[in-house]
Amino acid sequence: MVGTTISHYRVLEKLGGGGMGVVYKAEDTKLGRLVALKFLPEGFARDADRLARFEREAKLLASLNHPNIVVIHALGARASSPALSSAEVAAHSIEDHKG
């Protein structure tokens, strides 16, 4: 996936993954900004409950405006895998905040 272009997003690096998907750092080539792309695992795309939860997450986040909540730019799909595009946020670990 790294090095590929999906729609107008150039995938730069994998940021992480977990039970609800995989997140990549990407460049929005139309607007010239960095974004995070979260992809729902392909197997989950066939599960109506998980797909509905993913879409609810995107819609809920898109409806909020707060400095501590990521901004959602778009909800879409890559082949058969749903994806959302959000603002890219620099991550910090708990270790970074220990005094």
N, C-alpha and C. Protein backbone atom coordinates (compact mmCIF):
# COMPACT_ATOMS: atom_id res chain seq x y z
N MET A 1 0.83 -1.19 0.00
CA MET A 1 0.00 0.00 0.00
C MET A 1 0.88 1.26 0.00
N VAL A 2 1.97 1.27 0.79
CA VAL A 2 2.87 2.42 0.81
C VAL A 2 3.45 2.62 -0.59
N GLY A 3 3.43 3.87 -1.05
CA GLY A 3 3.95 4.18 -2.37
C GLY A 3 2.88 4.19 -3.45
N THR A 4 1.68 3.74 -3.12
CA THR A 4 0.60 3.73 -4.11
C THR A 4 -0.22 5.01 -4.00
N THR A 5 -1.02 5.27 -5.03
CA THR A 5 -1.94 6.39 -5.01
C THR A 5 -3.35 5.84 -5.08
N ILE A 6 -4.17 6.28 -4.15
CA ILE A 6 -5.57 5.87 -4.08
C ILE A 6 -6.41 7.13 -4.23
N SER A 7 -7.18 7.18 -5.30
CA SER A 7 -7.92 8.39 -5.64
C SER A 7 -6.89 9.51 -5.75
N HIS A 8 -6.99 10.55 -4.95
CA HIS A 8 -6.02 11.65 -5.00
C HIS A 8 -5.13 11.67 -3.74
N TYR A 9 -4.96 10.51 -3.13
CA TYR A 9 -4.11 10.39 -1.94
C TYR A 9 -2.89 9.53 -2.26
N ARG A 10 -1.70 10.07 -2.04
CA ARG A 10 -0.46 9.31 -2.21
C ARG A 10 -0.07 8.77 -0.83
N VAL A 11 -0.06 7.45 -0.68
CA VAL A 11 0.21 6.80 0.61
C VAL A 11 1.70 6.86 0.89
N LEU A 12 2.07 7.46 2.03
CA LEU A 12 3.46 7.70 2.37
C LEU A 12 4.04 6.68 3.34
N GLU A 13 3.27 6.34 4.38
CA GLU A 13 3.76 5.37 5.37
C GLU A 13 2.61 4.82 6.20
N LYS A 14 2.83 3.64 6.75
CA LYS A 14 1.85 3.03 7.65
C LYS A 14 2.08 3.60 9.03
N LEU A 15 1.01 4.08 9.66
CA LEU A 15 1.11 4.64 11.00
C LEU A 15 0.76 3.62 12.07
N GLY A 16 -0.13 2.69 11.76
CA GLY A 16 -0.51 1.69 12.76
C GLY A 16 -1.76 0.95 12.34
N GLY A 17 -2.16 0.03 13.18
CA GLY A 17 -3.35 -0.75 12.88
C GLY A 17 -3.87 -1.40 14.13
N GLY A 18 -5.09 -1.87 14.03
CA GLY A 18 -5.73 -2.52 15.17
C GLY A 18 -6.99 -3.22 14.72
N GLY A 19 -7.86 -3.47 15.68
CA GLY A 19 -9.07 -4.22 15.43
C GLY A 19 -10.03 -3.59 14.45
N MET A 20 -10.02 -2.27 14.35
CA MET A 20 -10.98 -1.60 13.47
C MET A 20 -10.35 -1.06 12.19
N GLY A 21 -9.09 -1.40 11.93
CA GLY A 21 -8.53 -0.96 10.67
C GLY A 21 -7.05 -0.66 10.71
N VAL A 22 -6.57 -0.16 9.57
CA VAL A 22 -5.17 0.20 9.40
C VAL A 22 -5.12 1.67 9.00
N VAL A 23 -4.18 2.42 9.59
CA VAL A 23 -4.07 3.85 9.33
C VAL A 23 -2.75 4.15 8.63
N TYR A 24 -2.84 4.96 7.58
CA TYR A 24 -1.67 5.36 6.80
C TYR A 24 -1.58 6.88 6.77
N LYS A 25 -0.35 7.38 6.72
CA LYS A 25 -0.10 8.79 6.46
C LYS A 25 -0.08 8.94 4.95
N ALA A 26 -0.77 9.97 4.45
CA ALA A 26 -0.86 10.17 3.01
C ALA A 26 -0.85 11.65 2.68
N GLU A 27 -0.59 11.95 1.42
CA GLU A 27 -0.65 13.32 0.93
C GLU A 27 -1.88 13.46 0.06
N ASP A 28 -2.70 14.45 0.36
CA ASP A 28 -3.84 14.80 -0.49
C ASP A 28 -3.24 15.62 -1.64
N THR A 29 -3.14 15.02 -2.83
CA THR A 29 -2.47 15.68 -3.94
C THR A 29 -3.29 16.81 -4.56
N LYS A 30 -4.58 16.84 -4.29
CA LYS A 30 -5.41 17.94 -4.80
C LYS A 30 -5.24 19.20 -3.96
N LEU A 31 -5.19 19.01 -2.64
CA LEU A 31 -5.14 20.16 -1.74
C LEU A 31 -3.76 20.40 -1.13
N GLY A 32 -2.81 19.50 -1.39
CA GLY A 32 -1.45 19.69 -0.90
C GLY A 32 -1.32 19.66 0.61
N ARG A 33 -2.00 18.72 1.24
CA ARG A 33 -1.92 18.61 2.70
C ARG A 33 -1.75 17.15 3.10
N LEU A 34 -1.20 16.97 4.30
CA LEU A 34 -1.05 15.62 4.84
C LEU A 34 -2.34 15.20 5.50
N VAL A 35 -2.69 13.94 5.33
CA VAL A 35 -3.91 13.38 5.93
C VAL A 35 -3.59 12.00 6.50
N ALA A 36 -4.51 11.50 7.28
CA ALA A 36 -4.47 10.12 7.73
C ALA A 36 -5.58 9.39 7.00
N LEU A 37 -5.28 8.21 6.47
CA LEU A 37 -6.29 7.38 5.81
C LEU A 37 -6.50 6.14 6.65
N LYS A 38 -7.73 5.91 7.07
CA LYS A 38 -8.06 4.72 7.85
C LYS A 38 -8.89 3.80 6.98
N PHE A 39 -8.43 2.56 6.83
CA PHE A 39 -9.14 1.57 6.03
C PHE A 39 -9.71 0.50 6.93
N LEU A 40 -10.98 0.21 6.74
CA LEU A 40 -11.61 -0.91 7.41
C LEU A 40 -11.09 -2.18 6.77
N PRO A 41 -10.72 -3.19 7.56
CA PRO A 41 -10.23 -4.43 6.96
C PRO A 41 -11.25 -4.99 5.96
N GLU A 42 -10.76 -5.55 4.85
CA GLU A 42 -11.66 -6.01 3.79
C GLU A 42 -12.68 -7.02 4.28
N GLY A 43 -12.29 -7.89 5.18
CA GLY A 43 -13.23 -8.86 5.73
C GLY A 43 -14.39 -8.22 6.47
N PHE A 44 -14.12 -7.07 7.10
CA PHE A 44 -15.17 -6.36 7.84
C PHE A 44 -16.17 -5.70 6.91
N ALA A 45 -15.73 -5.39 5.69
CA ALA A 45 -16.62 -4.71 4.74
C ALA A 45 -17.82 -5.57 4.37
N ARG A 46 -17.70 -6.86 4.57
CA ARG A 46 -18.83 -7.76 4.27
C ARG A 46 -19.71 -7.98 5.50
N ASP A 47 -19.32 -7.42 6.64
CA ASP A 47 -20.08 -7.55 7.89
C ASP A 47 -20.90 -6.27 8.07
N ALA A 48 -22.20 -6.37 7.90
CA ALA A 48 -23.08 -5.19 7.94
C ALA A 48 -22.96 -4.42 9.24
N ASP A 49 -22.81 -5.11 10.37
CA ASP A 49 -22.71 -4.43 11.66
C ASP A 49 -21.42 -3.62 11.77
N ARG A 50 -20.30 -4.22 11.36
CA ARG A 50 -19.02 -3.51 11.44
C ARG A 50 -18.97 -2.35 10.45
N LEU A 51 -19.52 -2.55 9.27
CA LEU A 51 -19.58 -1.47 8.28
C LEU A 51 -20.42 -0.31 8.80
N ALA A 52 -21.54 -0.62 9.41
CA ALA A 52 -22.41 0.42 9.97
C ALA A 52 -21.69 1.17 11.10
N ARG A 53 -20.94 0.46 11.93
CA ARG A 53 -20.20 1.09 13.03
C ARG A 53 -19.12 2.03 12.47
N PHE A 54 -18.43 1.60 11.44
CA PHE A 54 -17.40 2.42 10.80
C PHE A 54 -18.01 3.70 10.24
N GLU A 55 -19.13 3.57 9.56
CA GLU A 55 -19.80 4.74 8.99
C GLU A 55 -20.33 5.67 10.09
N ARG A 56 -20.87 5.08 11.18
CA ARG A 56 -21.33 5.91 12.32
C ARG A 56 -20.16 6.68 12.93
N GLU A 57 -19.01 6.01 13.08
CA GLU A 57 -17.82 6.66 13.62
C GLU A 57 -17.45 7.88 12.77
N ALA A 58 -17.41 7.70 11.46
CA ALA A 58 -17.05 8.79 10.55
C ALA A 58 -18.06 9.93 10.65
N LYS A 59 -19.34 9.62 10.64
CA LYS A 59 -20.37 10.65 10.71
C LYS A 59 -20.35 11.39 12.04
N LEU A 60 -20.15 10.65 13.13
CA LEU A 60 -20.09 11.28 14.45
C LEU A 60 -18.89 12.22 14.54
N LEU A 61 -17.72 11.74 14.14
CA LEU A 61 -16.52 12.58 14.18
C LEU A 61 -16.67 13.81 13.28
N ALA A 62 -17.28 13.63 12.12
CA ALA A 62 -17.47 14.74 11.19
C ALA A 62 -18.42 15.79 11.75
N SER A 63 -19.29 15.40 12.66
CA SER A 63 -20.26 16.35 13.22
C SER A 63 -19.69 17.16 14.38
N LEU A 64 -18.50 16.79 14.86
CA LEU A 64 -17.90 17.45 16.02
C LEU A 64 -16.84 18.46 15.60
N ASN A 65 -16.71 19.50 16.40
CA ASN A 65 -15.69 20.51 16.15
C ASN A 65 -15.04 20.85 17.48
N HIS A 66 -13.88 20.26 17.74
CA HIS A 66 -13.18 20.45 19.01
C HIS A 66 -11.69 20.25 18.77
N PRO A 67 -10.84 21.04 19.41
CA PRO A 67 -9.40 20.91 19.15
C PRO A 67 -8.80 19.56 19.53
N ASN A 68 -9.48 18.78 20.36
CA ASN A 68 -8.97 17.47 20.77
C ASN A 68 -9.61 16.31 20.02
N ILE A 69 -10.37 16.61 18.96
CA ILE A 69 -11.02 15.57 18.16
C ILE A 69 -10.59 15.76 16.71
N VAL A 70 -10.16 14.69 16.10
CA VAL A 70 -9.66 14.75 14.73
C VAL A 70 -10.75 15.19 13.75
N VAL A 71 -10.36 15.96 12.75
CA VAL A 71 -11.27 16.44 11.72
C VAL A 71 -11.37 15.39 10.61
N ILE A 72 -12.58 15.02 10.25
CA ILE A 72 -12.82 14.07 9.16
C ILE A 72 -13.01 14.85 7.86
N HIS A 73 -12.26 14.48 6.83
CA HIS A 73 -12.37 15.15 5.53
C HIS A 73 -13.31 14.42 4.58
N ALA A 74 -13.27 13.08 4.59
CA ALA A 74 -14.07 12.34 3.60
C ALA A 74 -14.28 10.90 4.04
N LEU A 75 -15.36 10.32 3.57
CA LEU A 75 -15.67 8.90 3.74
C LEU A 75 -15.79 8.33 2.34
N GLY A 76 -15.06 7.25 2.08
CA GLY A 76 -15.08 6.69 0.74
C GLY A 76 -14.71 5.22 0.78
N ALA A 77 -14.14 4.72 -0.31
CA ALA A 77 -13.77 3.31 -0.38
C ALA A 77 -12.60 3.11 -1.33
N ARG A 78 -11.86 2.06 -1.05
CA ARG A 78 -10.78 1.58 -1.92
C ARG A 78 -11.17 0.18 -2.31
N ALA A 79 -11.49 -0.02 -3.55
CA ALA A 79 -12.00 -1.31 -4.03
C ALA A 79 -13.19 -1.69 -3.15
N SER A 80 -13.07 -2.76 -2.36
CA SER A 80 -14.20 -3.19 -1.52
C SER A 80 -13.99 -2.82 -0.06
N SER A 81 -13.00 -1.99 0.24
CA SER A 81 -12.70 -1.66 1.63
C SER A 81 -13.04 -0.20 1.92
N PRO A 82 -14.00 0.05 2.82
CA PRO A 82 -14.34 1.42 3.20
C PRO A 82 -13.14 2.13 3.82
N ALA A 83 -13.08 3.45 3.61
CA ALA A 83 -11.97 4.24 4.13
C ALA A 83 -12.47 5.61 4.55
N LEU A 84 -11.75 6.23 5.49
CA LEU A 84 -12.03 7.61 5.81
C LEU A 84 -10.73 8.39 5.81
N SER A 85 -10.85 9.66 5.45
CA SER A 85 -9.71 10.57 5.39
C SER A 85 -9.89 11.58 6.50
N SER A 86 -8.83 11.79 7.28
CA SER A 86 -8.91 12.74 8.38
C SER A 86 -7.65 13.58 8.43
N ALA A 87 -7.69 14.60 9.25
CA ALA A 87 -6.50 15.42 9.45
C ALA A 87 -5.39 14.54 10.00
N GLU A 88 -4.17 14.79 9.56
CA GLU A 88 -3.03 14.05 10.07
C GLU A 88 -2.61 14.72 11.37
N VAL A 89 -2.47 13.92 12.42
CA VAL A 89 -2.14 14.43 13.75
C VAL A 89 -0.85 13.77 14.21
N ALA A 90 0.08 14.58 14.69
CA ALA A 90 1.33 14.02 15.23
C ALA A 90 1.00 13.23 16.50
N ALA A 91 1.43 11.99 16.54
CA ALA A 91 1.14 11.11 17.68
C ALA A 91 2.23 11.23 18.72
N HIS A 92 1.81 11.08 19.97
CA HIS A 92 2.75 11.06 21.10
C HIS A 92 2.41 9.87 21.96
N SER A 93 3.43 9.27 22.52
CA SER A 93 3.18 8.15 23.41
C SER A 93 3.05 8.66 24.85
N ILE A 94 2.57 7.80 25.71
CA ILE A 94 2.46 8.15 27.13
C ILE A 94 3.84 8.46 27.68
N GLU A 95 4.86 7.78 27.20
CA GLU A 95 6.22 8.03 27.65
C GLU A 95 6.65 9.47 27.41
N ASP A 96 6.14 10.10 26.34
CA ASP A 96 6.48 11.48 26.04
C ASP A 96 5.98 12.44 27.11
N HIS A 97 4.96 12.04 27.86
CA HIS A 97 4.32 12.93 28.82
C HIS A 97 4.72 12.64 30.26
N LYS A 98 5.52 11.63 30.48
CA LYS A 98 5.96 11.31 31.83
C LYS A 98 7.02 12.32 32.26
N GLY A 99 6.89 12.74 33.48
CA GLY A 99 7.78 13.76 33.98
C GLY A 99 8.94 13.21 34.65
